[in-house]
N, C-alpha and C. Protein backbone atom coordinates (compact mmCIF):
# COMPACT_ATOMS: atom_id res chain seq x y z
N MET A 1 24.96 18.60 12.31
CA MET A 1 25.25 17.42 11.51
C MET A 1 23.99 16.56 11.45
N ARG A 2 23.59 16.18 10.28
CA ARG A 2 22.40 15.37 10.08
C ARG A 2 22.62 13.95 10.61
N GLY A 3 21.60 13.37 11.25
CA GLY A 3 21.72 12.02 11.77
C GLY A 3 22.26 11.98 13.19
N THR A 4 22.48 13.14 13.78
CA THR A 4 22.97 13.18 15.15
C THR A 4 21.89 13.75 16.05
N VAL A 5 22.05 13.54 17.33
CA VAL A 5 21.13 14.07 18.32
C VAL A 5 21.93 14.96 19.26
N ASP A 6 21.59 16.25 19.30
CA ASP A 6 22.34 17.18 20.14
C ASP A 6 22.30 16.74 21.60
N GLY A 7 23.46 16.73 22.21
CA GLY A 7 23.58 16.42 23.63
C GLY A 7 23.55 14.94 23.97
N LEU A 8 23.38 14.08 22.98
CA LEU A 8 23.34 12.64 23.26
C LEU A 8 24.77 12.12 23.32
N GLY A 9 25.15 11.67 24.49
CA GLY A 9 26.50 11.13 24.66
C GLY A 9 26.52 9.64 24.37
N THR A 10 27.68 9.08 24.50
CA THR A 10 27.82 7.65 24.29
C THR A 10 28.38 7.02 25.57
N PRO A 11 27.88 5.87 25.95
CA PRO A 11 28.40 5.22 27.15
C PRO A 11 29.77 4.57 26.91
N ARG A 12 30.16 4.42 25.65
CA ARG A 12 31.43 3.77 25.32
C ARG A 12 32.18 4.62 24.29
N PRO A 13 32.88 5.68 24.74
CA PRO A 13 33.64 6.50 23.79
C PRO A 13 34.70 5.68 23.06
N LEU A 14 34.73 5.83 21.75
CA LEU A 14 35.67 5.06 20.93
C LEU A 14 37.12 5.41 21.22
N GLY A 15 37.39 6.67 21.58
CA GLY A 15 38.77 7.10 21.83
C GLY A 15 39.43 6.31 22.95
N LEU A 16 38.64 5.90 23.93
CA LEU A 16 39.21 5.13 25.05
C LEU A 16 39.55 3.71 24.64
N GLY A 17 38.95 3.24 23.56
CA GLY A 17 39.21 1.87 23.09
C GLY A 17 40.37 1.76 22.13
N LEU A 18 40.92 2.90 21.75
CA LEU A 18 42.08 2.88 20.85
C LEU A 18 43.32 2.39 21.60
N PRO A 19 44.29 1.87 20.89
CA PRO A 19 45.55 1.48 21.54
C PRO A 19 46.16 2.68 22.28
N GLY A 20 46.88 2.39 23.35
CA GLY A 20 47.44 3.42 24.22
C GLY A 20 48.21 4.51 23.49
N ILE A 21 48.87 4.15 22.42
CA ILE A 21 49.68 5.14 21.69
C ILE A 21 48.82 6.28 21.13
N TYR A 22 47.53 6.02 20.91
CA TYR A 22 46.64 7.03 20.34
C TYR A 22 45.89 7.83 21.40
N HIS A 23 46.08 7.50 22.67
CA HIS A 23 45.36 8.22 23.73
C HIS A 23 45.82 9.68 23.81
N GLU A 24 47.05 9.93 23.49
CA GLU A 24 47.58 11.30 23.54
C GLU A 24 47.53 11.98 22.17
N ASP A 25 47.12 11.29 21.13
CA ASP A 25 47.08 11.84 19.77
C ASP A 25 45.78 12.63 19.60
N GLU A 26 45.92 13.96 19.50
CA GLU A 26 44.74 14.84 19.43
C GLU A 26 43.89 14.54 18.19
N PHE A 27 44.50 14.32 17.04
CA PHE A 27 43.76 14.03 15.82
C PHE A 27 42.96 12.73 15.95
N ALA A 28 43.58 11.69 16.47
CA ALA A 28 42.90 10.40 16.64
C ALA A 28 41.72 10.53 17.60
N GLN A 29 41.92 11.31 18.66
CA GLN A 29 40.84 11.48 19.65
C GLN A 29 39.68 12.31 19.06
N ARG A 30 40.00 13.34 18.26
CA ARG A 30 38.95 14.14 17.61
C ARG A 30 38.18 13.29 16.60
N LEU A 31 38.90 12.46 15.83
CA LEU A 31 38.26 11.58 14.87
C LEU A 31 37.34 10.58 15.57
N ALA A 32 37.83 10.00 16.66
CA ALA A 32 37.01 9.04 17.43
C ALA A 32 35.80 9.76 18.03
N ALA A 33 35.98 11.00 18.50
CA ALA A 33 34.87 11.76 19.08
C ALA A 33 33.82 12.07 18.02
N ALA A 34 34.27 12.36 16.79
CA ALA A 34 33.31 12.62 15.71
C ALA A 34 32.50 11.36 15.41
N LEU A 35 33.15 10.21 15.43
CA LEU A 35 32.42 8.96 15.22
C LEU A 35 31.47 8.67 16.38
N ASP A 36 31.87 9.07 17.61
CA ASP A 36 30.98 8.90 18.76
C ASP A 36 29.67 9.66 18.54
N VAL A 37 29.77 10.87 18.00
CA VAL A 37 28.57 11.69 17.77
C VAL A 37 27.66 11.01 16.76
N VAL A 38 28.23 10.43 15.72
CA VAL A 38 27.44 9.77 14.69
C VAL A 38 26.85 8.46 15.20
N LEU A 39 27.61 7.72 15.98
CA LEU A 39 27.17 6.40 16.44
C LEU A 39 26.31 6.44 17.70
N ALA A 40 26.28 7.56 18.43
CA ALA A 40 25.53 7.63 19.68
C ALA A 40 24.06 7.25 19.51
N PRO A 41 23.34 7.76 18.48
CA PRO A 41 21.94 7.34 18.33
C PRO A 41 21.78 5.84 18.05
N VAL A 42 22.72 5.26 17.30
CA VAL A 42 22.67 3.83 17.00
C VAL A 42 22.88 3.03 18.27
N LEU A 43 23.88 3.39 19.03
CA LEU A 43 24.17 2.67 20.29
C LEU A 43 23.02 2.83 21.27
N SER A 44 22.44 4.03 21.32
CA SER A 44 21.31 4.26 22.22
C SER A 44 20.12 3.38 21.83
N ALA A 45 19.84 3.30 20.52
CA ALA A 45 18.74 2.47 20.05
C ALA A 45 18.98 1.00 20.38
N LEU A 46 20.21 0.53 20.18
CA LEU A 46 20.53 -0.87 20.48
C LEU A 46 20.47 -1.15 21.99
N ASP A 47 20.94 -0.19 22.79
CA ASP A 47 20.88 -0.36 24.24
C ASP A 47 19.44 -0.41 24.75
N ASN A 48 18.53 0.23 24.02
CA ASN A 48 17.13 0.32 24.45
C ASN A 48 16.20 -0.50 23.55
N LEU A 49 16.74 -1.49 22.86
CA LEU A 49 15.95 -2.27 21.92
C LEU A 49 14.66 -2.85 22.51
N PRO A 50 14.68 -3.40 23.72
CA PRO A 50 13.42 -3.92 24.27
C PRO A 50 12.33 -2.84 24.37
N SER A 51 12.72 -1.61 24.63
CA SER A 51 11.74 -0.52 24.69
C SER A 51 11.16 -0.21 23.32
N TYR A 52 11.93 -0.39 22.28
CA TYR A 52 11.43 -0.15 20.93
C TYR A 52 10.45 -1.23 20.50
N LEU A 53 10.55 -2.42 21.09
CA LEU A 53 9.68 -3.52 20.71
C LEU A 53 8.39 -3.57 21.53
N ASP A 54 8.23 -2.66 22.48
CA ASP A 54 7.02 -2.58 23.29
C ASP A 54 6.17 -1.42 22.77
N PRO A 55 5.02 -1.71 22.14
CA PRO A 55 4.21 -0.64 21.55
C PRO A 55 3.74 0.41 22.56
N ALA A 56 3.70 0.06 23.84
CA ALA A 56 3.23 1.01 24.84
C ALA A 56 4.22 2.15 25.07
N ILE A 57 5.52 1.90 24.84
CA ILE A 57 6.52 2.94 25.15
C ILE A 57 7.43 3.29 23.98
N ALA A 58 7.30 2.57 22.87
CA ALA A 58 8.15 2.87 21.70
C ALA A 58 7.78 4.23 21.11
N PRO A 59 8.71 4.88 20.44
CA PRO A 59 8.37 6.11 19.72
C PRO A 59 7.25 5.82 18.71
N LEU A 60 6.35 6.79 18.52
CA LEU A 60 5.17 6.55 17.68
C LEU A 60 5.55 6.14 16.25
N ASP A 61 6.61 6.73 15.69
CA ASP A 61 7.00 6.33 14.33
C ASP A 61 7.47 4.88 14.29
N PHE A 62 8.02 4.39 15.39
CA PHE A 62 8.42 2.98 15.44
C PHE A 62 7.22 2.08 15.66
N VAL A 63 6.17 2.59 16.31
CA VAL A 63 4.93 1.82 16.47
C VAL A 63 4.35 1.54 15.08
N GLU A 64 4.44 2.49 14.17
CA GLU A 64 3.99 2.29 12.80
C GLU A 64 4.81 1.16 12.14
N PHE A 65 6.10 1.13 12.41
CA PHE A 65 6.98 0.08 11.89
C PHE A 65 6.58 -1.27 12.47
N LEU A 66 6.32 -1.33 13.79
CA LEU A 66 5.88 -2.56 14.43
C LEU A 66 4.55 -3.04 13.86
N ALA A 67 3.69 -2.10 13.52
CA ALA A 67 2.39 -2.46 12.93
C ALA A 67 2.61 -3.26 11.64
N GLY A 68 3.59 -2.89 10.86
CA GLY A 68 3.91 -3.64 9.65
C GLY A 68 4.39 -5.05 9.96
N TRP A 69 5.11 -5.20 11.07
CA TRP A 69 5.59 -6.53 11.47
C TRP A 69 4.45 -7.47 11.78
N VAL A 70 3.38 -6.94 12.39
CA VAL A 70 2.26 -7.80 12.79
C VAL A 70 1.09 -7.72 11.81
N GLY A 71 1.31 -7.09 10.66
CA GLY A 71 0.30 -7.06 9.60
C GLY A 71 -0.89 -6.18 9.90
N VAL A 72 -0.69 -5.09 10.61
CA VAL A 72 -1.78 -4.18 10.96
C VAL A 72 -1.59 -2.87 10.21
N GLU A 73 -2.68 -2.36 9.68
CA GLU A 73 -2.64 -1.05 9.04
C GLU A 73 -3.25 -0.04 10.00
N LEU A 74 -2.44 0.91 10.45
CA LEU A 74 -2.91 1.90 11.41
C LEU A 74 -3.66 3.02 10.71
N ASP A 75 -4.62 3.57 11.40
CA ASP A 75 -5.36 4.72 10.91
C ASP A 75 -4.73 5.95 11.56
N GLU A 76 -4.13 6.81 10.76
CA GLU A 76 -3.42 7.97 11.30
C GLU A 76 -4.34 8.96 11.99
N THR A 77 -5.65 8.83 11.81
CA THR A 77 -6.59 9.72 12.49
C THR A 77 -6.91 9.23 13.90
N TRP A 78 -6.50 8.02 14.23
CA TRP A 78 -6.75 7.49 15.57
C TRP A 78 -5.88 8.19 16.59
N PRO A 79 -6.36 8.24 17.83
CA PRO A 79 -5.48 8.74 18.90
C PRO A 79 -4.29 7.79 19.08
N GLU A 80 -3.21 8.34 19.58
CA GLU A 80 -1.98 7.55 19.75
C GLU A 80 -2.23 6.32 20.62
N ALA A 81 -3.00 6.46 21.69
CA ALA A 81 -3.23 5.33 22.59
C ALA A 81 -3.93 4.18 21.87
N ARG A 82 -4.87 4.48 20.98
CA ARG A 82 -5.59 3.43 20.26
C ARG A 82 -4.66 2.73 19.27
N GLN A 83 -3.78 3.49 18.61
CA GLN A 83 -2.83 2.89 17.68
C GLN A 83 -1.91 1.92 18.42
N ARG A 84 -1.42 2.36 19.57
CA ARG A 84 -0.53 1.52 20.37
C ARG A 84 -1.26 0.25 20.83
N GLN A 85 -2.53 0.41 21.24
CA GLN A 85 -3.31 -0.74 21.71
C GLN A 85 -3.52 -1.75 20.60
N LEU A 86 -3.82 -1.28 19.39
CA LEU A 86 -4.04 -2.20 18.28
C LEU A 86 -2.78 -3.02 17.98
N VAL A 87 -1.64 -2.36 17.95
CA VAL A 87 -0.39 -3.08 17.68
C VAL A 87 -0.10 -4.07 18.80
N ALA A 88 -0.34 -3.66 20.04
CA ALA A 88 -0.08 -4.54 21.18
C ALA A 88 -0.98 -5.77 21.17
N GLU A 89 -2.21 -5.63 20.68
CA GLU A 89 -3.17 -6.73 20.72
C GLU A 89 -3.28 -7.48 19.40
N ALA A 90 -2.51 -7.10 18.40
CA ALA A 90 -2.65 -7.68 17.07
C ALA A 90 -2.48 -9.20 17.06
N VAL A 91 -1.48 -9.70 17.73
CA VAL A 91 -1.23 -11.15 17.71
C VAL A 91 -2.38 -11.89 18.38
N ARG A 92 -2.86 -11.37 19.51
CA ARG A 92 -3.99 -12.00 20.19
C ARG A 92 -5.23 -11.97 19.30
N LEU A 93 -5.45 -10.85 18.61
CA LEU A 93 -6.61 -10.74 17.73
C LEU A 93 -6.51 -11.70 16.55
N TYR A 94 -5.31 -11.95 16.05
CA TYR A 94 -5.14 -12.87 14.92
C TYR A 94 -5.53 -14.30 15.29
N ARG A 95 -5.42 -14.62 16.56
CA ARG A 95 -5.84 -15.96 16.99
C ARG A 95 -7.33 -16.17 16.76
N TRP A 96 -8.09 -15.08 16.81
CA TRP A 96 -9.55 -15.16 16.65
C TRP A 96 -10.01 -14.71 15.27
N ARG A 97 -9.08 -14.48 14.36
CA ARG A 97 -9.42 -13.99 13.02
C ARG A 97 -10.34 -14.99 12.32
N GLY A 98 -11.37 -14.45 11.67
CA GLY A 98 -12.32 -15.28 10.96
C GLY A 98 -13.48 -15.75 11.81
N THR A 99 -13.50 -15.36 13.09
CA THR A 99 -14.59 -15.74 13.98
C THR A 99 -15.39 -14.50 14.37
N ALA A 100 -16.61 -14.74 14.85
CA ALA A 100 -17.45 -13.61 15.29
C ALA A 100 -16.77 -12.87 16.45
N ARG A 101 -16.14 -13.62 17.34
CA ARG A 101 -15.45 -12.98 18.47
C ARG A 101 -14.33 -12.08 17.98
N GLY A 102 -13.51 -12.58 17.06
CA GLY A 102 -12.41 -11.79 16.53
C GLY A 102 -12.91 -10.54 15.82
N LEU A 103 -13.96 -10.70 15.03
CA LEU A 103 -14.54 -9.55 14.32
C LEU A 103 -15.08 -8.52 15.31
N ARG A 104 -15.76 -9.00 16.33
CA ARG A 104 -16.32 -8.11 17.36
C ARG A 104 -15.20 -7.31 18.02
N GLU A 105 -14.13 -7.98 18.39
CA GLU A 105 -13.04 -7.29 19.09
C GLU A 105 -12.33 -6.28 18.19
N VAL A 106 -12.15 -6.61 16.93
CA VAL A 106 -11.48 -5.68 16.01
C VAL A 106 -12.36 -4.44 15.78
N VAL A 107 -13.64 -4.65 15.56
CA VAL A 107 -14.54 -3.52 15.32
C VAL A 107 -14.66 -2.67 16.58
N LEU A 108 -14.73 -3.31 17.74
CA LEU A 108 -14.78 -2.57 19.01
C LEU A 108 -13.53 -1.73 19.19
N LEU A 109 -12.38 -2.29 18.88
CA LEU A 109 -11.13 -1.55 19.00
C LEU A 109 -11.10 -0.37 18.03
N TYR A 110 -11.59 -0.59 16.82
CA TYR A 110 -11.57 0.48 15.81
C TYR A 110 -12.56 1.59 16.14
N THR A 111 -13.80 1.22 16.50
CA THR A 111 -14.86 2.22 16.68
C THR A 111 -15.04 2.67 18.12
N GLY A 112 -14.64 1.82 19.07
CA GLY A 112 -14.90 2.12 20.46
C GLY A 112 -16.32 1.77 20.87
N VAL A 113 -17.05 1.10 19.96
CA VAL A 113 -18.45 0.75 20.19
C VAL A 113 -18.62 -0.76 19.97
N GLU A 114 -19.40 -1.40 20.84
CA GLU A 114 -19.69 -2.82 20.68
C GLU A 114 -20.58 -3.00 19.45
N PRO A 115 -20.13 -3.76 18.45
CA PRO A 115 -20.94 -3.93 17.24
C PRO A 115 -22.01 -5.00 17.42
N GLU A 116 -23.05 -4.90 16.59
CA GLU A 116 -24.05 -5.96 16.50
C GLU A 116 -23.63 -6.81 15.30
N ILE A 117 -23.49 -8.11 15.52
CA ILE A 117 -23.07 -9.00 14.45
C ILE A 117 -24.14 -10.05 14.23
N GLU A 118 -24.63 -10.12 13.00
CA GLU A 118 -25.60 -11.14 12.62
C GLU A 118 -24.93 -12.01 11.56
N ASP A 119 -24.80 -13.30 11.86
CA ASP A 119 -24.22 -14.19 10.86
C ASP A 119 -25.11 -15.40 10.66
N SER A 120 -24.97 -16.02 9.53
CA SER A 120 -25.84 -17.14 9.17
C SER A 120 -25.32 -18.47 9.68
N GLY A 121 -24.13 -18.47 10.20
CA GLY A 121 -23.52 -19.73 10.63
C GLY A 121 -23.98 -20.17 12.00
N GLY A 122 -23.57 -21.32 12.38
CA GLY A 122 -23.91 -21.82 13.70
C GLY A 122 -23.19 -23.11 13.99
N VAL A 123 -23.14 -23.46 15.26
CA VAL A 123 -22.53 -24.71 15.68
C VAL A 123 -23.48 -25.34 16.69
N ALA A 124 -23.75 -26.61 16.51
CA ALA A 124 -24.62 -27.32 17.43
C ALA A 124 -24.30 -28.80 17.38
N TRP A 125 -24.90 -29.56 18.26
CA TRP A 125 -24.73 -31.00 18.23
C TRP A 125 -26.11 -31.62 18.46
N SER A 126 -26.22 -32.84 18.06
CA SER A 126 -27.48 -33.55 18.21
C SER A 126 -27.17 -34.95 18.73
N PRO A 127 -27.94 -35.43 19.70
CA PRO A 127 -27.69 -36.79 20.18
C PRO A 127 -28.16 -37.85 19.18
N ALA A 128 -28.97 -37.43 18.21
CA ALA A 128 -29.47 -38.38 17.21
C ALA A 128 -28.93 -38.01 15.84
N PRO A 129 -28.55 -39.00 15.03
CA PRO A 129 -28.08 -38.69 13.69
C PRO A 129 -29.20 -38.08 12.86
N GLY A 130 -28.80 -37.24 11.91
CA GLY A 130 -29.77 -36.64 11.00
C GLY A 130 -30.51 -35.46 11.60
N GLY A 131 -30.01 -34.88 12.70
CA GLY A 131 -30.66 -33.72 13.32
C GLY A 131 -30.56 -32.50 12.42
N ALA A 132 -31.33 -31.50 12.73
CA ALA A 132 -31.34 -30.26 11.95
C ALA A 132 -29.99 -29.55 12.08
N LEU A 133 -29.53 -29.00 10.97
CA LEU A 133 -28.27 -28.26 10.96
C LEU A 133 -28.54 -26.82 11.40
N PRO A 134 -27.62 -26.23 12.15
CA PRO A 134 -27.81 -24.84 12.57
C PRO A 134 -27.49 -23.88 11.44
N GLY A 135 -27.94 -22.64 11.59
CA GLY A 135 -27.59 -21.61 10.63
C GLY A 135 -28.36 -21.73 9.33
N ALA A 136 -27.90 -20.99 8.33
CA ALA A 136 -28.53 -20.97 7.02
C ALA A 136 -27.58 -21.60 6.00
N ALA A 137 -28.14 -22.06 4.89
CA ALA A 137 -27.33 -22.71 3.85
C ALA A 137 -26.37 -21.72 3.19
N GLU A 138 -26.83 -20.49 2.95
CA GLU A 138 -25.99 -19.47 2.32
C GLU A 138 -25.32 -18.62 3.40
N PRO A 139 -24.01 -18.50 3.35
CA PRO A 139 -23.35 -17.67 4.37
C PRO A 139 -23.65 -16.19 4.16
N SER A 140 -23.79 -15.48 5.26
CA SER A 140 -23.98 -14.02 5.21
C SER A 140 -23.56 -13.43 6.54
N LEU A 141 -23.27 -12.15 6.50
CA LEU A 141 -22.81 -11.46 7.71
C LEU A 141 -23.22 -10.00 7.64
N VAL A 142 -23.76 -9.51 8.72
CA VAL A 142 -24.09 -8.09 8.84
C VAL A 142 -23.39 -7.57 10.08
N VAL A 143 -22.62 -6.51 9.93
CA VAL A 143 -21.96 -5.85 11.05
C VAL A 143 -22.59 -4.47 11.17
N ARG A 144 -23.24 -4.23 12.30
CA ARG A 144 -23.94 -2.96 12.53
C ARG A 144 -23.28 -2.25 13.69
N VAL A 145 -22.91 -1.00 13.45
CA VAL A 145 -22.29 -0.18 14.48
C VAL A 145 -23.19 1.02 14.73
N ARG A 146 -23.63 1.15 15.97
CA ARG A 146 -24.48 2.28 16.35
C ARG A 146 -23.63 3.31 17.09
N VAL A 147 -23.54 4.50 16.50
CA VAL A 147 -22.72 5.57 17.06
C VAL A 147 -23.54 6.85 17.16
N PRO A 148 -23.21 7.73 18.10
CA PRO A 148 -23.96 8.99 18.23
C PRO A 148 -23.79 9.89 17.00
N ASP A 149 -22.62 9.85 16.39
CA ASP A 149 -22.35 10.68 15.22
C ASP A 149 -21.70 9.79 14.15
N VAL A 150 -22.39 9.60 13.03
CA VAL A 150 -21.88 8.68 12.00
C VAL A 150 -20.59 9.17 11.36
N THR A 151 -20.27 10.45 11.52
CA THR A 151 -19.02 10.95 10.94
C THR A 151 -17.80 10.53 11.76
N MET A 152 -18.02 9.97 12.94
CA MET A 152 -16.88 9.54 13.76
C MET A 152 -16.29 8.21 13.28
N VAL A 153 -16.96 7.55 12.32
CA VAL A 153 -16.48 6.29 11.77
C VAL A 153 -16.32 6.45 10.27
N ASN A 154 -15.16 6.10 9.78
CA ASN A 154 -14.90 6.12 8.34
C ASN A 154 -15.46 4.82 7.75
N PRO A 155 -16.57 4.89 6.98
CA PRO A 155 -17.19 3.67 6.47
C PRO A 155 -16.27 2.84 5.58
N ALA A 156 -15.46 3.48 4.77
CA ALA A 156 -14.55 2.74 3.88
C ALA A 156 -13.50 2.00 4.71
N ARG A 157 -12.99 2.63 5.73
CA ARG A 157 -11.99 2.01 6.60
C ARG A 157 -12.62 0.84 7.37
N LEU A 158 -13.85 1.04 7.86
CA LEU A 158 -14.54 -0.03 8.59
C LEU A 158 -14.84 -1.20 7.66
N GLU A 159 -15.22 -0.92 6.43
CA GLU A 159 -15.48 -1.97 5.43
C GLU A 159 -14.21 -2.79 5.18
N ALA A 160 -13.09 -2.11 5.02
CA ALA A 160 -11.81 -2.80 4.78
C ALA A 160 -11.42 -3.64 6.00
N LEU A 161 -11.67 -3.12 7.17
CA LEU A 161 -11.37 -3.84 8.40
C LEU A 161 -12.20 -5.12 8.51
N VAL A 162 -13.50 -5.00 8.21
CA VAL A 162 -14.40 -6.17 8.27
C VAL A 162 -14.00 -7.17 7.19
N ARG A 163 -13.68 -6.69 6.01
CA ARG A 163 -13.28 -7.59 4.91
C ARG A 163 -12.03 -8.39 5.30
N ALA A 164 -11.09 -7.73 5.97
CA ALA A 164 -9.86 -8.41 6.36
C ALA A 164 -10.07 -9.41 7.50
N ALA A 165 -11.10 -9.18 8.31
CA ALA A 165 -11.32 -10.05 9.48
C ALA A 165 -12.38 -11.12 9.22
N THR A 166 -12.92 -11.16 8.01
CA THR A 166 -14.00 -12.09 7.68
C THR A 166 -13.48 -13.14 6.70
N PRO A 167 -13.93 -14.39 6.82
CA PRO A 167 -13.53 -15.39 5.82
C PRO A 167 -13.91 -14.93 4.41
N ALA A 168 -13.07 -15.24 3.45
CA ALA A 168 -13.25 -14.75 2.08
C ALA A 168 -14.55 -15.21 1.44
N HIS A 169 -15.05 -16.37 1.80
CA HIS A 169 -16.25 -16.90 1.16
C HIS A 169 -17.55 -16.35 1.75
N VAL A 170 -17.46 -15.52 2.77
CA VAL A 170 -18.66 -15.00 3.43
C VAL A 170 -18.94 -13.58 2.97
N PRO A 171 -20.05 -13.38 2.24
CA PRO A 171 -20.41 -12.00 1.86
C PRO A 171 -20.87 -11.24 3.11
N HIS A 172 -20.54 -9.96 3.15
CA HIS A 172 -20.89 -9.18 4.33
C HIS A 172 -21.44 -7.82 3.96
N ARG A 173 -22.08 -7.21 4.93
CA ARG A 173 -22.60 -5.86 4.79
C ARG A 173 -22.25 -5.11 6.08
N VAL A 174 -21.80 -3.88 5.94
CA VAL A 174 -21.45 -3.05 7.09
C VAL A 174 -22.43 -1.89 7.15
N GLU A 175 -22.99 -1.68 8.34
CA GLU A 175 -23.94 -0.58 8.54
C GLU A 175 -23.46 0.30 9.68
N VAL A 176 -23.38 1.58 9.42
CA VAL A 176 -23.08 2.55 10.47
C VAL A 176 -24.34 3.37 10.65
N VAL A 177 -24.97 3.25 11.82
CA VAL A 177 -26.27 3.91 12.04
C VAL A 177 -26.19 4.79 13.28
N PRO A 178 -26.92 5.91 13.24
CA PRO A 178 -26.93 6.79 14.42
C PRO A 178 -27.77 6.18 15.54
N THR A 179 -27.39 6.50 16.78
CA THR A 179 -28.16 6.00 17.93
C THR A 179 -29.30 6.91 18.26
């Protein structure tokens, strides 16, 4: 039967919940048992809901579903552990979205390599008014990833990742270079 899991029982058989008059009725008990088979996966999922919401132990297809909840696009070529880690850290990473730190962490998670980030911005203070402003007038960003084999990084995917993690008004360039 489609939608059932062989050998999966139910902790709450429906036949036992019927009024007493139906406990001896073979047809009613068979009908309730058939519903138990259909409902067992649903009840099991509901009983284990906290496990489904933890990316470390949820079934991988549900991790893909969780990724949609937190606005993450998974790369199906990634190892399972990296996919789970990205979903688990997505909310923390969003706190740093649009910053050099956030960009660094996302690229590191994607490539496994610490990126070099050059940006034109800066933050400073001056004890005197009219001090020199940090950074450059025109915003720019260069993200450089040095890897032993350039084929281990999908440049289009990395570009999309950087675009999503960078403020919209900042033009950027992504470089994947061999070490």
